[in-house]
Amino acid sequence: MAAFPMKIIRGLFGAAEYAMPGVAGRVAFHLFARTADPANLSPGEKRANDRAAPLMAEARKHRLELKRGWVTAYEFRPEIYNPNAPVALVVHGWRSRTEHMTGLIRTARDLGFRVISLDLPGHGRSSGRHITMINSVEAVKQAETWFGPFDALIGHSFGAAVSLNAAIGSVRQFRPVVANRLVLISSPNRMKAIFRWFGSTVGLGPKTQEAMELQVLRLSGNPVEAFSGDVQLKSLRLPTLIVHAPDDQQVEFSGAEAMSRAGDHVRLLRAEGLGHSRIISDARTLAEIAAFLNEDRARLAA
């Protein structure tokens, strides 16, 4: 946000802390969940979309209805289609879209997976201008209804957190999504830390911050503290590959280290020097992800 509007926002939240923190907390949550206009693309995003166009032309498009709005799902079939092929779901991050995930889509498809990729709410060609963990998990659950069960859930950034929370069932109105493996790339660990960062950015006082975080409990049935990847992975005993760059400037690497200590079913791949975004298109990283996805079939063939 520009400096002048941010100054106004911080001033309003500062005043509301004393007058009506409950209302201010709901407003803050609404502001936090607001997405950028997906039609207003940066030059870099336009170039990424242009590069992805040949692959996107091959996709079968599906519209999945949510309680509010709808999301677009893309189905990428392997060259030799097998209706019994394993299915992988790919989930992008905040301010991203399916076009940015082509490296992961091609990697899984080349292994023989039928790949489903979602444009999350408020992103790409999906409806709305708000995204939360709740409507994102709902989108993944709808994708499971149409295309699942999934052999793998593959997520980047916020999409990794969505994948994990869909698998663990942290949004109580939706049953856990069935998957055999997880790939979590550049994943945030604790939602509470993200909420606290946002609160400090817009100048929330302690009462307003608490009211904002209570929206998570109201909407999901769980407090914000429950959305902690390191704790969730201790009970979700799925083979999990965590991929993270130590130089990631958007999501702290320490969170990946904490999640990797959840148990021997979790391993950490340090993607040196790849930051937050280049990590999903790096050839060596994609090869490591492919090896992880292929482990079950390699073991059966041995």
Foldseek 3Di string as FASTA:
>chain_A
DDPVVLVVLQVVQVVCLPVPLLVLLVVLLQVVFFADQQVDDDPVQVVLLVVLVVVQVQWDWDWFDDPPWIKIKTKDFAPDHDLPWAEEEEEEAGQDAPSLQVLLVVLQSVVGHTYMYIQAECHDPTDDRGDDLQSRLRNVLSCCVVPDLHQEYEYAEVGLLSLLCLQLVQQVVHDRRDYQEYEYELYAFAPLVVLVVSCVSSNHDPSNSVSNQVVCCVRRVDGSRVSGLLVSCLPVLHQYEYEYECQAPPHHCVSVVSNQPSDPSYDYDHPYPCYRRNLSNDPVNSVVVSCVSCVVVVVVVD
